Amino acid sequence: MNHPFRCAKKKLASLTVLLASVLPVSVLLVACAGSPDNVSAPEPPAVGQLSAEMRTTCDAEAVQYAIGTPFDEVNVPALQSESGAKQVRVLRPNGAATMDYREDRLNILLELNDTIEALRCG
């Protein structure tokens, strides 16, 4: 017949082996993590102020004159500069595009014959 303490001893031995194998790994992970040296988060903008990254930089109204003109890659830098956009995306009919909205991006929408159909920020 099994003695009740014999079973408890086996469980305690198993637990000891488990702790002996897990504990050194845990100590190494904590030692590697360390602590940051004087790292602080950037100051949030004051109320009513937008940081340069948050500021809207695209003005599609400034380039509406290009609607109806043939698209040419050479004109892209001028459209980007005049609109103030940080990025430009050319969208062709039936082309794939992400649905993310970026206030600093100029979207150039083209017709099938590569004529500029619309210019929008986003």
N, C-alpha and C. Protein backbone atom coordinates (compact mmCIF):
# COMPACT_ATOMS: atom_id res chain seq x y z
N MET A 1 0.83 -1.16 0.00
CA MET A 1 0.00 0.00 0.00
C MET A 1 0.88 1.24 0.00
N ASN A 2 0.49 2.20 -0.79
CA ASN A 2 1.25 3.44 -0.88
C ASN A 2 1.06 4.29 0.35
N HIS A 3 2.15 4.77 0.81
CA HIS A 3 2.11 5.68 1.94
C HIS A 3 1.74 7.07 1.43
N PRO A 4 0.85 7.83 2.13
CA PRO A 4 0.41 9.13 1.63
C PRO A 4 1.55 10.12 1.44
N PHE A 5 2.61 10.02 2.23
CA PHE A 5 3.71 10.98 2.08
C PHE A 5 4.62 10.64 0.91
N ARG A 6 4.61 9.39 0.48
CA ARG A 6 5.45 8.99 -0.64
C ARG A 6 5.00 9.73 -1.91
N CYS A 7 3.71 9.86 -2.14
CA CYS A 7 3.17 10.57 -3.29
C CYS A 7 3.53 12.05 -3.21
N ALA A 8 3.42 12.62 -2.01
CA ALA A 8 3.75 14.03 -1.82
C ALA A 8 5.23 14.27 -2.09
N LYS A 9 6.10 13.32 -1.67
CA LYS A 9 7.53 13.45 -1.91
C LYS A 9 7.84 13.45 -3.40
N LYS A 10 7.14 12.60 -4.17
CA LYS A 10 7.36 12.54 -5.61
C LYS A 10 6.95 13.86 -6.27
N LYS A 11 5.84 14.42 -5.84
CA LYS A 11 5.38 15.70 -6.40
C LYS A 11 6.35 16.82 -6.04
N LEU A 12 6.85 16.79 -4.81
CA LEU A 12 7.81 17.81 -4.37
C LEU A 12 9.11 17.69 -5.16
N ALA A 13 9.53 16.48 -5.43
CA ALA A 13 10.75 16.27 -6.22
C ALA A 13 10.55 16.78 -7.65
N SER A 14 9.40 16.53 -8.23
CA SER A 14 9.11 17.02 -9.58
C SER A 14 9.10 18.54 -9.61
N LEU A 15 8.52 19.15 -8.61
CA LEU A 15 8.45 20.60 -8.52
C LEU A 15 9.85 21.19 -8.36
N THR A 16 10.69 20.55 -7.57
CA THR A 16 12.06 21.01 -7.37
C THR A 16 12.84 20.96 -8.68
N VAL A 17 12.69 19.91 -9.44
CA VAL A 17 13.38 19.79 -10.74
C VAL A 17 12.89 20.87 -11.69
N LEU A 18 11.60 21.12 -11.70
CA LEU A 18 11.04 22.15 -12.57
C LEU A 18 11.59 23.52 -12.21
N LEU A 19 11.57 23.86 -10.94
CA LEU A 19 12.10 25.15 -10.49
C LEU A 19 13.59 25.27 -10.77
N ALA A 20 14.32 24.20 -10.59
CA ALA A 20 15.76 24.23 -10.83
C ALA A 20 16.08 24.49 -12.30
N SER A 21 15.19 24.08 -13.21
CA SER A 21 15.44 24.31 -14.63
C SER A 21 14.91 25.65 -15.11
N VAL A 22 13.84 26.15 -14.50
CA VAL A 22 13.23 27.41 -14.92
C VAL A 22 13.92 28.62 -14.29
N LEU A 23 14.33 28.52 -13.06
CA LEU A 23 14.89 29.65 -12.33
C LEU A 23 16.13 30.25 -13.00
N PRO A 24 17.11 29.47 -13.42
CA PRO A 24 18.29 30.09 -14.05
C PRO A 24 17.94 30.86 -15.34
N VAL A 25 17.02 30.32 -16.11
CA VAL A 25 16.60 31.00 -17.34
C VAL A 25 15.92 32.32 -17.00
N SER A 26 15.09 32.31 -15.99
CA SER A 26 14.40 33.54 -15.58
C SER A 26 15.39 34.59 -15.13
N VAL A 27 16.39 34.19 -14.38
CA VAL A 27 17.40 35.13 -13.89
C VAL A 27 18.15 35.74 -15.07
N LEU A 28 18.50 34.93 -16.06
CA LEU A 28 19.20 35.44 -17.24
C LEU A 28 18.34 36.43 -18.01
N LEU A 29 17.06 36.14 -18.16
CA LEU A 29 16.18 37.05 -18.89
C LEU A 29 16.06 38.39 -18.18
N VAL A 30 15.95 38.36 -16.88
CA VAL A 30 15.84 39.60 -16.11
C VAL A 30 17.15 40.38 -16.21
N ALA A 31 18.27 39.70 -16.16
CA ALA A 31 19.57 40.37 -16.23
C ALA A 31 19.77 41.00 -17.60
N CYS A 32 19.31 40.35 -18.65
CA CYS A 32 19.46 40.90 -20.01
C CYS A 32 18.55 42.09 -20.25
N ALA A 33 17.41 42.10 -19.58
CA ALA A 33 16.46 43.18 -19.81
C ALA A 33 17.04 44.51 -19.35
N GLY A 34 17.70 44.55 -18.23
CA GLY A 34 18.31 45.78 -17.74
C GLY A 34 17.28 46.87 -17.54
N SER A 35 17.77 48.06 -17.32
CA SER A 35 16.88 49.20 -17.16
C SER A 35 17.32 50.29 -18.12
N PRO A 36 16.39 51.08 -18.65
CA PRO A 36 16.75 52.13 -19.59
C PRO A 36 17.56 53.22 -18.87
N ASP A 37 18.51 53.79 -19.59
CA ASP A 37 19.34 54.84 -19.04
C ASP A 37 18.78 56.21 -19.43
N ASN A 38 18.09 56.81 -18.49
CA ASN A 38 17.56 58.16 -18.67
C ASN A 38 16.77 58.32 -19.97
N VAL A 39 15.95 57.34 -20.29
CA VAL A 39 15.11 57.42 -21.48
C VAL A 39 13.78 58.02 -21.06
N SER A 40 13.35 59.05 -21.79
CA SER A 40 12.07 59.65 -21.47
C SER A 40 11.27 59.84 -22.74
N ALA A 41 9.98 59.88 -22.59
CA ALA A 41 9.09 60.08 -23.73
C ALA A 41 9.17 61.53 -24.18
N PRO A 42 8.95 61.78 -25.48
CA PRO A 42 8.95 63.16 -25.94
C PRO A 42 7.80 63.94 -25.34
N GLU A 43 7.99 65.23 -25.21
CA GLU A 43 6.95 66.10 -24.65
C GLU A 43 5.76 66.13 -25.60
N PRO A 44 4.55 65.99 -25.09
CA PRO A 44 3.38 66.10 -25.96
C PRO A 44 3.21 67.55 -26.39
N PRO A 45 2.61 67.78 -27.57
CA PRO A 45 2.40 69.16 -27.99
C PRO A 45 1.43 69.87 -27.06
N ALA A 46 1.62 71.17 -26.94
CA ALA A 46 0.72 71.96 -26.11
C ALA A 46 -0.66 71.97 -26.74
N VAL A 47 -1.66 72.23 -25.93
CA VAL A 47 -3.03 72.28 -26.43
C VAL A 47 -3.12 73.32 -27.55
N GLY A 48 -3.68 72.93 -28.67
CA GLY A 48 -3.82 73.85 -29.81
C GLY A 48 -2.63 73.82 -30.74
N GLN A 49 -1.54 73.10 -30.38
CA GLN A 49 -0.38 72.99 -31.25
C GLN A 49 -0.30 71.58 -31.79
N LEU A 50 0.15 71.47 -33.04
CA LEU A 50 0.37 70.16 -33.64
C LEU A 50 1.86 70.02 -33.92
N SER A 51 2.39 68.85 -33.67
CA SER A 51 3.79 68.61 -34.00
C SER A 51 3.93 68.54 -35.51
N ALA A 52 5.17 68.59 -35.99
CA ALA A 52 5.40 68.56 -37.43
C ALA A 52 4.85 67.27 -38.05
N GLU A 53 4.93 66.14 -37.30
CA GLU A 53 4.44 64.87 -37.84
C GLU A 53 2.92 64.85 -37.92
N MET A 54 2.26 65.59 -37.02
CA MET A 54 0.80 65.55 -36.96
C MET A 54 0.16 66.59 -37.88
N ARG A 55 0.92 67.57 -38.33
CA ARG A 55 0.39 68.65 -39.13
C ARG A 55 -0.03 68.14 -40.51
N THR A 56 -1.19 68.56 -40.96
CA THR A 56 -1.64 68.22 -42.30
C THR A 56 -0.80 68.99 -43.30
N THR A 57 -0.20 68.26 -44.23
CA THR A 57 0.70 68.93 -45.16
C THR A 57 0.25 68.81 -46.60
N CYS A 58 -0.90 68.25 -46.84
CA CYS A 58 -1.37 68.07 -48.21
C CYS A 58 -2.51 69.05 -48.50
N ASP A 59 -2.38 69.77 -49.62
CA ASP A 59 -3.41 70.71 -50.05
C ASP A 59 -3.76 70.38 -51.50
N ALA A 60 -4.75 69.51 -51.69
CA ALA A 60 -5.14 69.08 -53.04
C ALA A 60 -5.71 70.22 -53.86
N GLU A 61 -6.28 71.23 -53.21
CA GLU A 61 -6.85 72.37 -53.95
C GLU A 61 -5.79 73.08 -54.79
N ALA A 62 -4.55 73.06 -54.32
CA ALA A 62 -3.48 73.76 -55.01
C ALA A 62 -3.10 73.12 -56.35
N VAL A 63 -3.51 71.87 -56.57
CA VAL A 63 -3.10 71.18 -57.81
C VAL A 63 -4.30 70.74 -58.66
N GLN A 64 -5.47 71.27 -58.40
CA GLN A 64 -6.66 70.88 -59.15
C GLN A 64 -6.56 71.26 -60.63
N TYR A 65 -5.67 72.19 -60.97
CA TYR A 65 -5.49 72.58 -62.36
C TYR A 65 -5.04 71.40 -63.23
N ALA A 66 -4.46 70.37 -62.63
CA ALA A 66 -3.93 69.24 -63.39
C ALA A 66 -5.00 68.24 -63.80
N ILE A 67 -6.22 68.37 -63.29
CA ILE A 67 -7.29 67.44 -63.66
C ILE A 67 -7.57 67.59 -65.16
N GLY A 68 -7.64 66.44 -65.84
CA GLY A 68 -7.90 66.43 -67.28
C GLY A 68 -6.64 66.43 -68.12
N THR A 69 -5.48 66.60 -67.49
CA THR A 69 -4.22 66.58 -68.24
C THR A 69 -3.66 65.16 -68.26
N PRO A 70 -2.83 64.84 -69.27
CA PRO A 70 -2.21 63.51 -69.30
C PRO A 70 -1.24 63.33 -68.13
N PHE A 71 -1.26 62.15 -67.53
CA PHE A 71 -0.35 61.87 -66.42
C PHE A 71 1.03 61.59 -66.97
N ASP A 72 2.03 62.13 -66.28
CA ASP A 72 3.42 61.89 -66.64
C ASP A 72 4.22 61.83 -65.34
N GLU A 73 5.03 60.80 -65.18
CA GLU A 73 5.83 60.64 -63.96
C GLU A 73 6.72 61.86 -63.71
N VAL A 74 7.08 62.55 -64.77
CA VAL A 74 7.93 63.74 -64.64
C VAL A 74 7.22 64.84 -63.85
N ASN A 75 5.90 64.89 -63.93
CA ASN A 75 5.13 65.93 -63.24
C ASN A 75 4.87 65.62 -61.76
N VAL A 76 5.13 64.42 -61.34
CA VAL A 76 4.83 64.03 -59.96
C VAL A 76 5.56 64.90 -58.94
N PRO A 77 6.87 65.15 -59.09
CA PRO A 77 7.54 66.00 -58.09
C PRO A 77 6.92 67.40 -58.00
N ALA A 78 6.49 67.97 -59.13
CA ALA A 78 5.87 69.30 -59.10
C ALA A 78 4.53 69.24 -58.37
N LEU A 79 3.72 68.22 -58.65
CA LEU A 79 2.43 68.09 -57.97
C LEU A 79 2.63 67.88 -56.47
N GLN A 80 3.63 67.09 -56.12
CA GLN A 80 3.92 66.84 -54.70
C GLN A 80 4.35 68.14 -54.02
N SER A 81 5.23 68.86 -54.65
CA SER A 81 5.72 70.11 -54.07
C SER A 81 4.60 71.15 -53.94
N GLU A 82 3.82 71.32 -54.97
CA GLU A 82 2.75 72.33 -54.96
C GLU A 82 1.66 72.00 -53.96
N SER A 83 1.41 70.70 -53.75
CA SER A 83 0.38 70.31 -52.78
C SER A 83 0.92 70.27 -51.36
N GLY A 84 2.23 70.21 -51.23
CA GLY A 84 2.85 70.12 -49.91
C GLY A 84 2.82 68.73 -49.32
N ALA A 85 2.48 67.74 -50.13
CA ALA A 85 2.37 66.36 -49.65
C ALA A 85 3.75 65.76 -49.38
N LYS A 86 3.81 64.89 -48.38
CA LYS A 86 5.04 64.16 -48.09
C LYS A 86 5.15 62.92 -48.97
N GLN A 87 4.02 62.38 -49.39
CA GLN A 87 3.99 61.18 -50.23
C GLN A 87 3.01 61.38 -51.36
N VAL A 88 3.24 60.64 -52.44
CA VAL A 88 2.32 60.65 -53.58
C VAL A 88 1.99 59.20 -53.91
N ARG A 89 0.73 58.96 -54.22
CA ARG A 89 0.29 57.62 -54.63
C ARG A 89 -0.51 57.76 -55.91
N VAL A 90 -0.13 57.00 -56.93
CA VAL A 90 -0.84 57.01 -58.21
C VAL A 90 -1.78 55.81 -58.23
N LEU A 91 -3.07 56.08 -58.46
CA LEU A 91 -4.09 55.03 -58.45
C LEU A 91 -4.70 54.89 -59.84
N ARG A 92 -4.51 53.73 -60.41
CA ARG A 92 -5.07 53.45 -61.73
C ARG A 92 -6.38 52.69 -61.57
N PRO A 93 -7.27 52.75 -62.58
CA PRO A 93 -8.53 52.01 -62.50
C PRO A 93 -8.28 50.52 -62.27
N ASN A 94 -9.05 49.93 -61.40
CA ASN A 94 -8.97 48.50 -61.05
C ASN A 94 -7.65 48.13 -60.40
N GLY A 95 -6.87 49.10 -59.96
CA GLY A 95 -5.61 48.81 -59.27
C GLY A 95 -5.87 48.59 -57.80
N ALA A 96 -4.98 47.84 -57.17
CA ALA A 96 -5.09 47.57 -55.75
C ALA A 96 -4.53 48.75 -54.96
N ALA A 97 -5.16 49.06 -53.85
CA ALA A 97 -4.69 50.14 -52.99
C ALA A 97 -5.10 49.85 -51.55
N THR A 98 -4.26 50.24 -50.64
CA THR A 98 -4.60 50.09 -49.23
C THR A 98 -5.67 51.10 -48.87
N MET A 99 -6.40 50.84 -47.80
CA MET A 99 -7.48 51.73 -47.39
C MET A 99 -7.05 52.68 -46.27
N ASP A 100 -5.75 52.73 -45.99
CA ASP A 100 -5.30 53.62 -44.92
C ASP A 100 -5.41 55.08 -45.36
N TYR A 101 -5.69 55.94 -44.40
CA TYR A 101 -5.85 57.36 -44.70
C TYR A 101 -4.63 58.10 -44.17
N ARG A 102 -3.96 58.84 -45.04
CA ARG A 102 -2.80 59.63 -44.66
C ARG A 102 -3.01 61.06 -45.09
N GLU A 103 -3.10 61.95 -44.13
CA GLU A 103 -3.36 63.36 -44.43
C GLU A 103 -2.21 64.00 -45.21
N ASP A 104 -1.04 63.40 -45.15
CA ASP A 104 0.13 63.99 -45.81
C ASP A 104 0.41 63.35 -47.18
N ARG A 105 -0.56 62.61 -47.73
CA ARG A 105 -0.35 61.93 -49.02
C ARG A 105 -1.28 62.49 -50.08
N LEU A 106 -0.73 62.74 -51.27
CA LEU A 106 -1.52 63.15 -52.42
C LEU A 106 -1.83 61.91 -53.25
N ASN A 107 -3.11 61.66 -53.50
CA ASN A 107 -3.54 60.55 -54.36
C ASN A 107 -3.86 61.12 -55.74
N ILE A 108 -3.21 60.56 -56.74
CA ILE A 108 -3.48 60.95 -58.12
C ILE A 108 -4.29 59.83 -58.75
N LEU A 109 -5.57 60.08 -59.01
CA LEU A 109 -6.46 59.08 -59.59
C LEU A 109 -6.49 59.25 -61.10
N LEU A 110 -6.23 58.15 -61.81
CA LEU A 110 -6.14 58.20 -63.26
C LEU A 110 -7.32 57.50 -63.92
N GLU A 111 -7.63 57.94 -65.15
CA GLU A 111 -8.61 57.26 -65.99
C GLU A 111 -7.88 56.17 -66.76
N LEU A 112 -8.62 55.37 -67.53
CA LEU A 112 -8.01 54.28 -68.30
C LEU A 112 -6.93 54.76 -69.26
N ASN A 113 -7.09 55.96 -69.81
CA ASN A 113 -6.13 56.48 -70.78
C ASN A 113 -5.01 57.29 -70.11
N ASP A 114 -4.81 57.12 -68.82
CA ASP A 114 -3.80 57.82 -68.01
C ASP A 114 -3.99 59.34 -67.96
N THR A 115 -5.22 59.78 -68.06
CA THR A 115 -5.55 61.17 -67.83
C THR A 115 -5.88 61.33 -66.35
N ILE A 116 -5.44 62.43 -65.76
CA ILE A 116 -5.72 62.67 -64.34
C ILE A 116 -7.19 62.95 -64.16
N GLU A 117 -7.84 62.10 -63.38
CA GLU A 117 -9.28 62.22 -63.12
C GLU A 117 -9.55 63.03 -61.86
N ALA A 118 -8.72 62.84 -60.85
CA ALA A 118 -8.92 63.54 -59.58
C ALA A 118 -7.62 63.58 -58.81
N LEU A 119 -7.51 64.58 -57.93
CA LEU A 119 -6.37 64.73 -57.02
C LEU A 119 -6.93 64.95 -55.63
N ARG A 120 -6.60 64.03 -54.71
CA ARG A 120 -7.15 64.09 -53.35
C ARG A 120 -6.07 63.79 -52.34
N CYS A 121 -6.21 64.36 -51.19
CA CYS A 121 -5.31 64.02 -50.09
C CYS A 121 -5.92 62.84 -49.33
N GLY A 122 -5.06 62.04 -48.75
CA GLY A 122 -5.57 60.95 -47.93
C GLY A 122 -4.85 59.65 -48.09
